[in-house]
N, C-alpha and C. Protein backbone atom coordinates (compact mmCIF):
# COMPACT_ATOMS: atom_id res chain seq x y z
N MET A 1 109.96 111.12 113.84
CA MET A 1 109.58 110.04 112.96
C MET A 1 110.79 109.14 112.73
N THR A 2 110.54 107.84 112.73
CA THR A 2 111.60 106.89 112.39
C THR A 2 111.20 106.15 111.12
N GLY A 3 112.14 105.60 110.47
CA GLY A 3 111.88 104.86 109.24
C GLY A 3 113.19 104.36 108.68
N ARG A 4 113.17 103.98 107.43
CA ARG A 4 114.39 103.60 106.75
C ARG A 4 114.25 103.87 105.27
N PHE A 5 115.37 104.12 104.63
CA PHE A 5 115.41 104.44 103.21
C PHE A 5 115.14 103.18 102.42
N LEU A 6 114.19 103.21 101.49
CA LEU A 6 113.83 102.03 100.72
C LEU A 6 114.42 102.00 99.32
N HIS A 7 114.18 103.06 98.54
CA HIS A 7 114.68 103.05 97.17
C HIS A 7 114.71 104.45 96.57
N THR A 8 115.41 104.54 95.45
CA THR A 8 115.40 105.73 94.60
C THR A 8 114.83 105.30 93.26
N MET A 9 113.88 106.08 92.73
CA MET A 9 113.25 105.75 91.46
C MET A 9 113.85 106.60 90.36
N LEU A 10 114.20 105.94 89.24
CA LEU A 10 114.69 106.62 88.06
C LEU A 10 113.81 106.22 86.88
N ARG A 11 113.36 107.21 86.10
CA ARG A 11 112.62 106.92 84.87
C ARG A 11 113.63 106.67 83.76
N VAL A 12 113.44 105.59 83.03
CA VAL A 12 114.40 105.22 81.98
C VAL A 12 113.70 105.06 80.64
N GLY A 13 114.46 105.31 79.57
CA GLY A 13 113.90 105.25 78.22
C GLY A 13 113.99 103.90 77.55
N ASP A 14 114.88 103.04 78.03
CA ASP A 14 115.04 101.70 77.45
C ASP A 14 115.36 100.77 78.62
N LEU A 15 114.37 100.04 79.06
CA LEU A 15 114.49 99.23 80.26
C LEU A 15 115.60 98.18 80.15
N ASP A 16 115.66 97.46 79.04
CA ASP A 16 116.69 96.43 78.89
C ASP A 16 118.09 97.02 78.92
N ARG A 17 118.28 98.15 78.25
CA ARG A 17 119.59 98.82 78.24
C ARG A 17 119.99 99.25 79.65
N SER A 18 119.05 99.79 80.41
CA SER A 18 119.36 100.24 81.76
C SER A 18 119.64 99.07 82.70
N ILE A 19 118.86 98.01 82.59
CA ILE A 19 119.10 96.83 83.41
C ILE A 19 120.49 96.26 83.11
N ALA A 20 120.85 96.20 81.85
CA ALA A 20 122.18 95.68 81.47
C ALA A 20 123.28 96.54 82.08
N PHE A 21 123.13 97.85 82.05
CA PHE A 21 124.14 98.73 82.63
C PHE A 21 124.31 98.46 84.13
N TYR A 22 123.22 98.49 84.87
CA TYR A 22 123.31 98.34 86.32
C TYR A 22 123.73 96.94 86.76
N THR A 23 123.33 95.91 86.01
CA THR A 23 123.69 94.54 86.41
C THR A 23 125.06 94.15 85.88
N SER A 24 125.29 94.35 84.60
CA SER A 24 126.56 93.91 84.00
C SER A 24 127.74 94.78 84.38
N LEU A 25 127.53 96.11 84.42
CA LEU A 25 128.66 97.00 84.65
C LEU A 25 128.83 97.41 86.11
N LEU A 26 127.76 97.42 86.89
CA LEU A 26 127.87 97.84 88.29
C LEU A 26 127.57 96.72 89.28
N GLY A 27 127.19 95.56 88.81
CA GLY A 27 127.05 94.39 89.67
C GLY A 27 125.79 94.30 90.51
N LEU A 28 124.79 95.15 90.24
CA LEU A 28 123.53 95.01 90.96
C LEU A 28 122.79 93.80 90.42
N LYS A 29 121.79 93.33 91.15
CA LYS A 29 120.99 92.20 90.72
C LYS A 29 119.54 92.65 90.57
N GLU A 30 118.88 92.07 89.56
CA GLU A 30 117.45 92.32 89.45
C GLU A 30 116.77 91.53 90.56
N LEU A 31 116.05 92.24 91.42
CA LEU A 31 115.42 91.63 92.59
C LEU A 31 113.96 91.26 92.33
N ARG A 32 113.26 92.14 91.64
CA ARG A 32 111.86 91.87 91.32
C ARG A 32 111.40 92.82 90.22
N ARG A 33 110.31 92.42 89.58
CA ARG A 33 109.79 93.17 88.43
C ARG A 33 108.27 93.15 88.52
N ARG A 34 107.68 94.27 88.13
CA ARG A 34 106.22 94.34 88.09
C ARG A 34 105.81 95.06 86.81
N ASP A 35 105.15 94.33 85.93
CA ASP A 35 104.65 94.92 84.70
C ASP A 35 103.17 95.25 84.91
N VAL A 36 102.79 96.47 84.58
CA VAL A 36 101.42 96.94 84.79
C VAL A 36 100.87 97.44 83.46
N PRO A 37 100.41 96.52 82.59
CA PRO A 37 99.93 96.92 81.26
C PRO A 37 98.79 97.93 81.31
N GLU A 38 97.88 97.78 82.27
CA GLU A 38 96.76 98.72 82.34
C GLU A 38 97.23 100.14 82.68
N GLY A 39 98.36 100.26 83.36
CA GLY A 39 98.93 101.56 83.67
C GLY A 39 100.01 101.97 82.68
N LYS A 40 100.36 101.07 81.77
CA LYS A 40 101.37 101.29 80.73
C LYS A 40 102.74 101.61 81.32
N TYR A 41 103.15 100.80 82.31
CA TYR A 41 104.49 100.96 82.87
C TYR A 41 105.01 99.64 83.42
N THR A 42 106.33 99.57 83.57
CA THR A 42 107.01 98.42 84.18
C THR A 42 107.98 98.96 85.23
N LEU A 43 108.00 98.30 86.39
CA LEU A 43 108.93 98.64 87.46
C LEU A 43 109.91 97.48 87.63
N VAL A 44 111.19 97.82 87.75
CA VAL A 44 112.22 96.81 88.02
C VAL A 44 113.05 97.32 89.18
N PHE A 45 113.18 96.50 90.22
CA PHE A 45 113.96 96.87 91.40
C PHE A 45 115.30 96.14 91.36
N LEU A 46 116.37 96.90 91.56
CA LEU A 46 117.73 96.38 91.54
C LEU A 46 118.40 96.66 92.88
N GLY A 47 119.33 95.78 93.27
CA GLY A 47 120.06 96.01 94.51
C GLY A 47 121.23 95.06 94.63
N TYR A 48 121.97 95.26 95.69
CA TYR A 48 123.09 94.37 96.02
C TYR A 48 122.61 93.37 97.06
N GLY A 49 123.22 92.21 97.09
CA GLY A 49 122.89 91.20 98.09
C GLY A 49 121.42 90.84 98.04
N GLY A 50 120.79 90.87 99.20
CA GLY A 50 119.39 90.52 99.31
C GLY A 50 118.44 91.66 99.05
N GLY A 51 118.97 92.80 98.68
CA GLY A 51 118.10 93.92 98.37
C GLY A 51 117.66 94.70 99.58
N ASN A 52 116.40 95.02 99.62
CA ASN A 52 115.86 95.97 100.58
C ASN A 52 115.72 95.37 101.97
N GLN A 53 116.87 95.11 102.58
CA GLN A 53 116.93 94.65 103.95
C GLN A 53 117.46 95.79 104.80
N GLU A 54 117.54 95.59 106.08
CA GLU A 54 118.09 96.61 106.97
C GLU A 54 119.46 97.05 106.46
N GLY A 55 119.62 98.35 106.26
CA GLY A 55 120.89 98.88 105.80
C GLY A 55 121.10 98.83 104.30
N GLN A 56 120.14 98.31 103.55
CA GLN A 56 120.24 98.23 102.09
C GLN A 56 119.11 99.03 101.47
N ALA A 57 119.41 99.69 100.38
CA ALA A 57 118.39 100.39 99.60
C ALA A 57 118.44 99.85 98.18
N GLU A 58 117.43 100.16 97.41
CA GLU A 58 117.32 99.66 96.05
C GLU A 58 117.19 100.81 95.07
N ILE A 59 117.39 100.49 93.80
CA ILE A 59 117.09 101.41 92.71
C ILE A 59 115.86 100.86 92.01
N GLU A 60 114.85 101.69 91.84
CA GLU A 60 113.66 101.32 91.09
C GLU A 60 113.75 101.96 89.72
N LEU A 61 113.83 101.14 88.67
CA LEU A 61 113.79 101.65 87.31
C LEU A 61 112.35 101.61 86.84
N THR A 62 111.85 102.75 86.39
CA THR A 62 110.47 102.83 85.90
C THR A 62 110.50 103.11 84.41
N TYR A 63 109.88 102.21 83.65
CA TYR A 63 109.74 102.41 82.21
C TYR A 63 108.27 102.66 81.91
N ASN A 64 107.97 103.82 81.36
CA ASN A 64 106.62 104.16 80.92
C ASN A 64 106.54 103.85 79.42
N TYR A 65 105.62 102.98 79.06
CA TYR A 65 105.50 102.54 77.68
C TYR A 65 105.52 103.74 76.73
N GLY A 66 106.36 103.64 75.70
CA GLY A 66 106.37 104.63 74.64
C GLY A 66 107.20 105.88 74.92
N VAL A 67 107.79 106.00 76.10
CA VAL A 67 108.61 107.17 76.42
C VAL A 67 110.07 106.74 76.37
N ASP A 68 110.84 107.33 75.44
CA ASP A 68 112.22 106.87 75.27
C ASP A 68 113.28 107.80 75.83
N ARG A 69 112.87 108.95 76.41
CA ARG A 69 113.87 109.80 77.06
C ARG A 69 113.19 110.81 77.97
N TYR A 70 113.95 111.25 78.97
CA TYR A 70 113.48 112.21 79.97
C TYR A 70 114.52 113.31 80.13
N GLU A 71 114.08 114.47 80.55
CA GLU A 71 114.98 115.54 80.97
C GLU A 71 115.31 115.28 82.43
N ILE A 72 116.59 115.23 82.75
CA ILE A 72 117.00 114.93 84.13
C ILE A 72 116.74 116.12 85.04
N GLY A 73 116.91 117.32 84.56
CA GLY A 73 116.66 118.50 85.37
C GLY A 73 117.87 118.89 86.19
N THR A 74 117.76 119.99 86.89
CA THR A 74 118.89 120.50 87.67
C THR A 74 118.80 120.15 89.15
N GLY A 75 117.72 119.57 89.59
CA GLY A 75 117.56 119.24 91.00
C GLY A 75 118.20 117.92 91.40
N PHE A 76 118.29 117.00 90.45
CA PHE A 76 118.88 115.69 90.75
C PHE A 76 120.39 115.81 90.78
N GLY A 77 121.02 115.21 91.78
CA GLY A 77 122.48 115.22 91.87
C GLY A 77 123.07 113.93 91.34
N HIS A 78 123.05 112.88 92.16
CA HIS A 78 123.62 111.60 91.74
C HIS A 78 123.22 110.50 92.71
N LEU A 79 123.42 109.27 92.26
CA LEU A 79 123.34 108.10 93.13
C LEU A 79 124.76 107.84 93.63
N ALA A 80 124.92 107.19 94.75
CA ALA A 80 126.26 106.85 95.25
C ALA A 80 126.28 105.35 95.58
N LEU A 81 127.33 104.69 95.08
CA LEU A 81 127.52 103.27 95.34
C LEU A 81 128.89 103.05 95.97
N GLY A 82 128.95 102.26 97.03
CA GLY A 82 130.22 101.88 97.64
C GLY A 82 130.79 100.68 96.94
N VAL A 83 132.04 100.77 96.52
CA VAL A 83 132.72 99.66 95.84
C VAL A 83 134.10 99.47 96.46
N PRO A 84 134.66 98.26 96.43
CA PRO A 84 135.96 98.04 97.05
C PRO A 84 137.13 98.66 96.29
N ASP A 85 137.01 98.82 94.96
CA ASP A 85 138.11 99.34 94.15
C ASP A 85 137.52 100.23 93.06
N VAL A 86 137.58 101.54 93.27
CA VAL A 86 136.97 102.49 92.34
C VAL A 86 137.64 102.45 90.97
N LYS A 87 138.95 102.36 90.93
CA LYS A 87 139.65 102.32 89.65
C LYS A 87 139.23 101.10 88.83
N ALA A 88 139.15 99.94 89.47
CA ALA A 88 138.73 98.73 88.77
C ALA A 88 137.28 98.85 88.31
N ALA A 89 136.43 99.47 89.11
CA ALA A 89 135.03 99.66 88.73
C ALA A 89 134.94 100.54 87.49
N CYS A 90 135.74 101.61 87.44
CA CYS A 90 135.76 102.49 86.26
C CYS A 90 136.22 101.73 85.02
N GLU A 91 137.23 100.90 85.19
CA GLU A 91 137.73 100.11 84.06
C GLU A 91 136.66 99.15 83.55
N ALA A 92 135.90 98.55 84.47
CA ALA A 92 134.83 97.63 84.07
C ALA A 92 133.71 98.38 83.35
N VAL A 93 133.35 99.55 83.84
CA VAL A 93 132.31 100.35 83.19
C VAL A 93 132.76 100.73 81.79
N ARG A 94 133.96 101.23 81.67
CA ARG A 94 134.49 101.65 80.37
C ARG A 94 134.57 100.46 79.40
N ALA A 95 135.08 99.31 79.89
CA ALA A 95 135.21 98.12 79.05
C ALA A 95 133.85 97.64 78.55
N GLY A 96 132.81 97.89 79.34
CA GLY A 96 131.47 97.48 78.96
C GLY A 96 130.73 98.51 78.13
N GLY A 97 131.44 99.56 77.72
CA GLY A 97 130.83 100.58 76.88
C GLY A 97 130.19 101.72 77.64
N GLY A 98 130.37 101.75 78.97
CA GLY A 98 129.81 102.82 79.78
C GLY A 98 130.69 104.06 79.77
N LYS A 99 130.17 105.13 80.31
CA LYS A 99 130.85 106.43 80.28
C LYS A 99 131.37 106.79 81.67
N VAL A 100 132.68 107.01 81.77
CA VAL A 100 133.31 107.49 83.00
C VAL A 100 133.48 109.00 82.83
N THR A 101 132.88 109.78 83.73
CA THR A 101 132.94 111.24 83.60
C THR A 101 133.94 111.88 84.55
N ARG A 102 134.37 111.16 85.56
CA ARG A 102 135.44 111.61 86.47
C ARG A 102 136.23 110.39 86.86
N GLU A 103 137.49 110.38 86.53
CA GLU A 103 138.34 109.23 86.82
C GLU A 103 138.53 109.05 88.33
N ALA A 104 138.92 107.85 88.71
CA ALA A 104 139.16 107.52 90.11
C ALA A 104 140.28 108.39 90.67
N GLY A 105 140.04 108.92 91.85
CA GLY A 105 141.05 109.73 92.53
C GLY A 105 140.46 110.31 93.80
N PRO A 106 141.30 110.94 94.61
CA PRO A 106 140.80 111.49 95.87
C PRO A 106 139.84 112.64 95.65
N VAL A 107 138.86 112.73 96.53
CA VAL A 107 137.92 113.83 96.50
C VAL A 107 138.69 115.13 96.79
N LYS A 108 138.26 116.21 96.19
CA LYS A 108 138.93 117.50 96.38
C LYS A 108 138.97 117.83 97.87
N PHE A 109 140.14 118.20 98.35
CA PHE A 109 140.37 118.57 99.76
C PHE A 109 140.21 117.39 100.71
N GLY A 110 140.36 116.16 100.21
CA GLY A 110 140.22 114.99 101.07
C GLY A 110 141.03 113.82 100.55
N THR A 111 140.78 112.66 101.11
CA THR A 111 141.52 111.46 100.73
C THR A 111 140.63 110.33 100.22
N THR A 112 139.33 110.42 100.40
CA THR A 112 138.43 109.37 99.93
C THR A 112 138.50 109.27 98.41
N VAL A 113 138.68 108.06 97.90
CA VAL A 113 138.76 107.84 96.46
C VAL A 113 137.36 107.71 95.89
N ILE A 114 137.09 108.54 94.87
CA ILE A 114 135.79 108.53 94.21
C ILE A 114 135.98 108.58 92.70
N ALA A 115 134.89 108.36 91.99
CA ALA A 115 134.82 108.55 90.55
C ALA A 115 133.35 108.77 90.21
N PHE A 116 133.09 109.23 89.00
CA PHE A 116 131.71 109.36 88.53
C PHE A 116 131.56 108.67 87.19
N VAL A 117 130.43 107.98 87.02
CA VAL A 117 130.06 107.37 85.76
C VAL A 117 128.63 107.81 85.45
N GLU A 118 128.21 107.59 84.21
CA GLU A 118 126.83 107.90 83.84
C GLU A 118 126.17 106.65 83.31
N ASP A 119 124.88 106.50 83.65
CA ASP A 119 124.13 105.38 83.10
C ASP A 119 123.65 105.75 81.70
N PRO A 120 123.01 104.84 80.97
CA PRO A 120 122.61 105.13 79.59
C PRO A 120 121.64 106.30 79.43
N ASP A 121 120.93 106.66 80.50
CA ASP A 121 120.00 107.78 80.43
C ASP A 121 120.63 109.09 80.90
N GLY A 122 121.91 109.05 81.29
CA GLY A 122 122.61 110.26 81.71
C GLY A 122 122.59 110.53 83.20
N TYR A 123 122.03 109.62 84.00
CA TYR A 123 122.06 109.79 85.45
C TYR A 123 123.49 109.59 85.96
N LYS A 124 123.93 110.48 86.84
CA LYS A 124 125.28 110.40 87.39
C LYS A 124 125.31 109.45 88.58
N ILE A 125 126.38 108.66 88.64
CA ILE A 125 126.56 107.69 89.73
C ILE A 125 127.96 107.91 90.29
N GLU A 126 128.02 108.22 91.57
CA GLU A 126 129.31 108.38 92.24
C GLU A 126 129.73 107.02 92.78
N LEU A 127 130.95 106.62 92.48
CA LEU A 127 131.54 105.40 93.03
C LEU A 127 132.47 105.82 94.16
N ILE A 128 132.25 105.29 95.36
CA ILE A 128 133.04 105.65 96.53
C ILE A 128 133.75 104.41 97.02
N GLU A 129 135.07 104.51 97.19
CA GLU A 129 135.85 103.35 97.64
C GLU A 129 135.55 103.06 99.09
N ARG A 130 134.94 101.91 99.31
CA ARG A 130 134.60 101.44 100.66
C ARG A 130 134.87 99.96 100.72
N MET A 131 135.47 99.52 101.82
CA MET A 131 135.76 98.09 101.97
C MET A 131 134.56 97.35 102.50
């Protein structure tokens, strides 16, 4: 089977708060939105550049009306974003009120520079230094 990766869906408790985190602190752009009142949910797709093009994937934020928090569970690991300067990205997240859970530095037993931050709902995001 062939195909391509399209998106990762995250359920969020406060759509505006989550959009602000991903756009203001991590630089993603809101690409499209679909509000479905009859289903009592709103979908917002975020991405870099033009979004879901060849080689690009998106994050789908799903807000279910009236649900303000979710249990993340033990099966979910993290999202990973490539950034040119991990240390600067951590500083921007922190300055914007976000939470840095692992400071920028080389991965254990390697040289790739990484860090971890958390979004407002507690989802972990790995920042990987890539040019």
